[in-house]
Amino acid sequence: MVLTTSKLRENIYRFLDQVLKTGQPLEIERKGRRLKIVPVKPAGKLNNLPSRSIVSGSPESIVHIDWSKEWKPKIK
């Protein structure tokens, strides 16, 4: 759907609610150019976590560690 800025101004809240409800972008034409209003997906909780460097050394070295002394399978 393409609107003029005048049409958008008449009912901006209705159009914004429609974009949120349907997820469909809304295009506005202004001075011969188009603008787009799109809904943005909320960031997940994990996106707010700070980045941390946990591995000390080369991550590749972890692949070759012998864990057999540390790990014992449960026997039923």
N, C-alpha and C. Protein backbone atom coordinates (compact mmCIF):
# COMPACT_ATOMS: atom_id res chain seq x y z
N MET A 1 0.85 -1.17 0.00
CA MET A 1 0.00 0.00 0.00
C MET A 1 0.90 1.24 0.00
N VAL A 2 0.62 2.17 -0.90
CA VAL A 2 1.38 3.41 -0.98
C VAL A 2 0.45 4.57 -0.64
N LEU A 3 0.87 5.39 0.31
CA LEU A 3 0.08 6.54 0.74
C LEU A 3 0.83 7.83 0.46
N THR A 4 0.08 8.90 0.35
CA THR A 4 0.70 10.22 0.34
C THR A 4 0.87 10.65 1.79
N THR A 5 1.71 11.63 2.01
CA THR A 5 1.91 12.11 3.39
C THR A 5 0.64 12.71 3.94
N SER A 6 -0.18 13.34 3.10
CA SER A 6 -1.44 13.92 3.57
C SER A 6 -2.38 12.84 4.07
N LYS A 7 -2.47 11.73 3.33
CA LYS A 7 -3.33 10.62 3.73
C LYS A 7 -2.81 9.99 5.02
N LEU A 8 -1.51 9.86 5.14
CA LEU A 8 -0.92 9.31 6.36
C LEU A 8 -1.26 10.19 7.56
N ARG A 9 -1.14 11.50 7.38
CA ARG A 9 -1.39 12.45 8.46
C ARG A 9 -2.83 12.36 8.97
N GLU A 10 -3.76 12.08 8.08
CA GLU A 10 -5.18 11.99 8.47
C GLU A 10 -5.43 10.90 9.50
N ASN A 11 -4.75 9.78 9.36
CA ASN A 11 -5.02 8.62 10.21
C ASN A 11 -3.74 7.87 10.57
N ILE A 12 -2.75 8.58 11.03
CA ILE A 12 -1.44 7.96 11.26
C ILE A 12 -1.50 6.80 12.25
N TYR A 13 -2.28 6.93 13.33
CA TYR A 13 -2.32 5.87 14.33
C TYR A 13 -2.99 4.61 13.79
N ARG A 14 -4.00 4.78 12.99
CA ARG A 14 -4.67 3.61 12.38
C ARG A 14 -3.70 2.88 11.45
N PHE A 15 -2.95 3.63 10.65
CA PHE A 15 -1.99 3.01 9.73
C PHE A 15 -0.86 2.33 10.49
N LEU A 16 -0.37 2.96 11.54
CA LEU A 16 0.70 2.34 12.33
C LEU A 16 0.22 1.06 13.00
N ASP A 17 -1.00 1.09 13.54
CA ASP A 17 -1.58 -0.11 14.15
C ASP A 17 -1.74 -1.23 13.12
N GLN A 18 -2.11 -0.85 11.91
CA GLN A 18 -2.27 -1.83 10.84
C GLN A 18 -0.93 -2.49 10.51
N VAL A 19 0.14 -1.73 10.46
CA VAL A 19 1.47 -2.28 10.19
C VAL A 19 1.85 -3.26 11.31
N LEU A 20 1.60 -2.88 12.55
CA LEU A 20 1.92 -3.75 13.67
C LEU A 20 1.09 -5.03 13.65
N LYS A 21 -0.17 -4.92 13.31
CA LYS A 21 -1.08 -6.06 13.33
C LYS A 21 -0.77 -7.04 12.19
N THR A 22 -0.57 -6.52 10.99
CA THR A 22 -0.40 -7.39 9.82
C THR A 22 1.06 -7.73 9.54
N GLY A 23 1.97 -6.89 9.99
CA GLY A 23 3.38 -7.11 9.67
C GLY A 23 3.75 -6.64 8.28
N GLN A 24 2.77 -6.11 7.54
CA GLN A 24 3.02 -5.63 6.18
C GLN A 24 3.58 -4.22 6.21
N PRO A 25 4.67 -3.96 5.46
CA PRO A 25 5.23 -2.62 5.41
C PRO A 25 4.26 -1.63 4.77
N LEU A 26 4.43 -0.38 5.10
CA LEU A 26 3.61 0.70 4.56
C LEU A 26 4.54 1.67 3.85
N GLU A 27 4.22 1.99 2.61
CA GLU A 27 5.04 2.92 1.85
C GLU A 27 4.35 4.27 1.76
N ILE A 28 5.16 5.31 1.92
CA ILE A 28 4.67 6.68 1.84
C ILE A 28 5.43 7.37 0.73
N GLU A 29 4.71 8.07 -0.11
CA GLU A 29 5.37 8.81 -1.19
C GLU A 29 5.46 10.28 -0.79
N ARG A 30 6.67 10.82 -0.91
CA ARG A 30 6.91 12.23 -0.55
C ARG A 30 7.91 12.81 -1.54
N LYS A 31 7.51 13.85 -2.24
CA LYS A 31 8.37 14.53 -3.21
C LYS A 31 8.97 13.57 -4.24
N GLY A 32 8.13 12.64 -4.70
CA GLY A 32 8.57 11.72 -5.74
C GLY A 32 9.43 10.57 -5.23
N ARG A 33 9.65 10.48 -3.94
CA ARG A 33 10.45 9.40 -3.37
C ARG A 33 9.58 8.62 -2.39
N ARG A 34 10.00 7.38 -2.13
CA ARG A 34 9.21 6.53 -1.23
C ARG A 34 9.96 6.24 0.06
N LEU A 35 9.17 6.24 1.12
CA LEU A 35 9.66 5.87 2.45
C LEU A 35 8.89 4.62 2.85
N LYS A 36 9.47 3.83 3.75
CA LYS A 36 8.80 2.60 4.14
C LYS A 36 8.76 2.51 5.67
N ILE A 37 7.59 2.20 6.20
CA ILE A 37 7.42 1.94 7.63
C ILE A 37 7.28 0.44 7.77
N VAL A 38 8.20 -0.17 8.49
CA VAL A 38 8.18 -1.62 8.67
C VAL A 38 8.23 -1.96 10.16
N PRO A 39 7.58 -3.04 10.57
CA PRO A 39 7.68 -3.45 11.96
C PRO A 39 9.06 -4.06 12.22
N VAL A 40 9.58 -3.83 13.39
CA VAL A 40 10.90 -4.36 13.77
C VAL A 40 10.68 -5.47 14.78
N LYS A 41 11.33 -6.60 14.56
CA LYS A 41 11.21 -7.70 15.50
C LYS A 41 11.92 -7.31 16.80
N PRO A 42 11.26 -7.57 17.93
CA PRO A 42 11.92 -7.24 19.19
C PRO A 42 13.15 -8.13 19.39
N ALA A 43 14.16 -7.54 19.98
CA ALA A 43 15.37 -8.29 20.25
C ALA A 43 15.10 -9.31 21.35
N GLY A 44 15.68 -10.47 21.24
CA GLY A 44 15.53 -11.49 22.26
C GLY A 44 16.36 -11.16 23.49
N LYS A 45 16.08 -11.85 24.56
CA LYS A 45 16.80 -11.61 25.81
C LYS A 45 18.30 -11.86 25.65
N LEU A 46 18.65 -12.84 24.83
CA LEU A 46 20.07 -13.17 24.67
C LEU A 46 20.84 -12.09 23.94
N ASN A 47 20.16 -11.27 23.15
CA ASN A 47 20.84 -10.19 22.43
C ASN A 47 21.35 -9.10 23.37
N ASN A 48 20.79 -9.03 24.59
CA ASN A 48 21.20 -8.00 25.54
C ASN A 48 22.40 -8.42 26.39
N LEU A 49 22.81 -9.67 26.29
CA LEU A 49 23.93 -10.14 27.10
C LEU A 49 25.24 -9.56 26.56
N PRO A 50 26.14 -9.17 27.46
CA PRO A 50 27.43 -8.67 26.99
C PRO A 50 28.27 -9.81 26.42
N SER A 51 29.06 -9.48 25.43
CA SER A 51 29.95 -10.46 24.83
C SER A 51 31.14 -10.70 25.75
N ARG A 52 31.46 -11.96 25.95
CA ARG A 52 32.58 -12.30 26.84
C ARG A 52 33.50 -13.29 26.15
N SER A 53 34.77 -13.16 26.42
CA SER A 53 35.75 -14.12 25.92
C SER A 53 36.00 -15.13 27.04
N ILE A 54 35.51 -16.33 26.87
CA ILE A 54 35.60 -17.34 27.93
C ILE A 54 36.79 -18.26 27.73
N VAL A 55 37.08 -18.59 26.49
CA VAL A 55 38.14 -19.54 26.20
C VAL A 55 39.49 -18.85 26.32
N SER A 56 40.32 -19.42 27.16
CA SER A 56 41.68 -18.91 27.31
C SER A 56 42.58 -19.75 26.41
N GLY A 57 43.12 -19.16 25.39
CA GLY A 57 43.94 -19.91 24.45
C GLY A 57 43.17 -20.17 23.17
N SER A 58 43.61 -21.17 22.46
CA SER A 58 43.01 -21.50 21.17
C SER A 58 41.78 -22.39 21.36
N PRO A 59 40.64 -22.02 20.80
CA PRO A 59 39.46 -22.88 20.90
C PRO A 59 39.71 -24.26 20.27
N GLU A 60 40.57 -24.31 19.29
CA GLU A 60 40.88 -25.59 18.64
C GLU A 60 41.54 -26.57 19.61
N SER A 61 42.27 -26.04 20.60
CA SER A 61 42.94 -26.94 21.55
C SER A 61 41.95 -27.68 22.44
N ILE A 62 40.76 -27.15 22.63
CA ILE A 62 39.75 -27.80 23.46
C ILE A 62 39.25 -29.07 22.80
N VAL A 63 39.23 -29.11 21.49
CA VAL A 63 38.71 -30.26 20.76
C VAL A 63 39.52 -31.51 21.06
N HIS A 64 40.80 -31.35 21.31
CA HIS A 64 41.68 -32.50 21.46
C HIS A 64 42.00 -32.85 22.91
N ILE A 65 41.27 -32.32 23.87
CA ILE A 65 41.50 -32.65 25.28
C ILE A 65 40.95 -34.04 25.58
N ASP A 66 41.71 -34.82 26.33
CA ASP A 66 41.26 -36.14 26.75
C ASP A 66 40.47 -36.00 28.05
N TRP A 67 39.16 -36.19 27.97
CA TRP A 67 38.28 -36.03 29.13
C TRP A 67 37.97 -37.36 29.81
N SER A 68 38.59 -38.44 29.39
CA SER A 68 38.23 -39.76 29.90
C SER A 68 38.47 -39.89 31.41
N LYS A 69 39.43 -39.19 32.00
CA LYS A 69 39.67 -39.25 33.44
C LYS A 69 38.62 -38.46 34.21
N GLU A 70 38.02 -37.46 33.60
CA GLU A 70 37.05 -36.58 34.26
C GLU A 70 35.61 -37.08 34.13
N TRP A 71 35.33 -37.78 33.06
CA TRP A 71 33.97 -38.18 32.75
C TRP A 71 33.80 -39.66 32.94
N LYS A 72 32.79 -40.02 33.70
CA LYS A 72 32.49 -41.43 33.90
C LYS A 72 31.00 -41.63 33.59
N PRO A 73 30.70 -42.55 32.68
CA PRO A 73 29.30 -42.78 32.34
C PRO A 73 28.54 -43.41 33.49
N LYS A 74 27.24 -43.09 33.60
CA LYS A 74 26.42 -43.70 34.63
C LYS A 74 26.06 -45.12 34.20
N ILE A 75 26.25 -46.04 35.11
CA ILE A 75 25.92 -47.44 34.83
C ILE A 75 24.67 -47.79 35.63
N LYS A 76 23.70 -48.36 34.93
CA LYS A 76 22.44 -48.71 35.60
C LYS A 76 22.46 -50.10 36.12
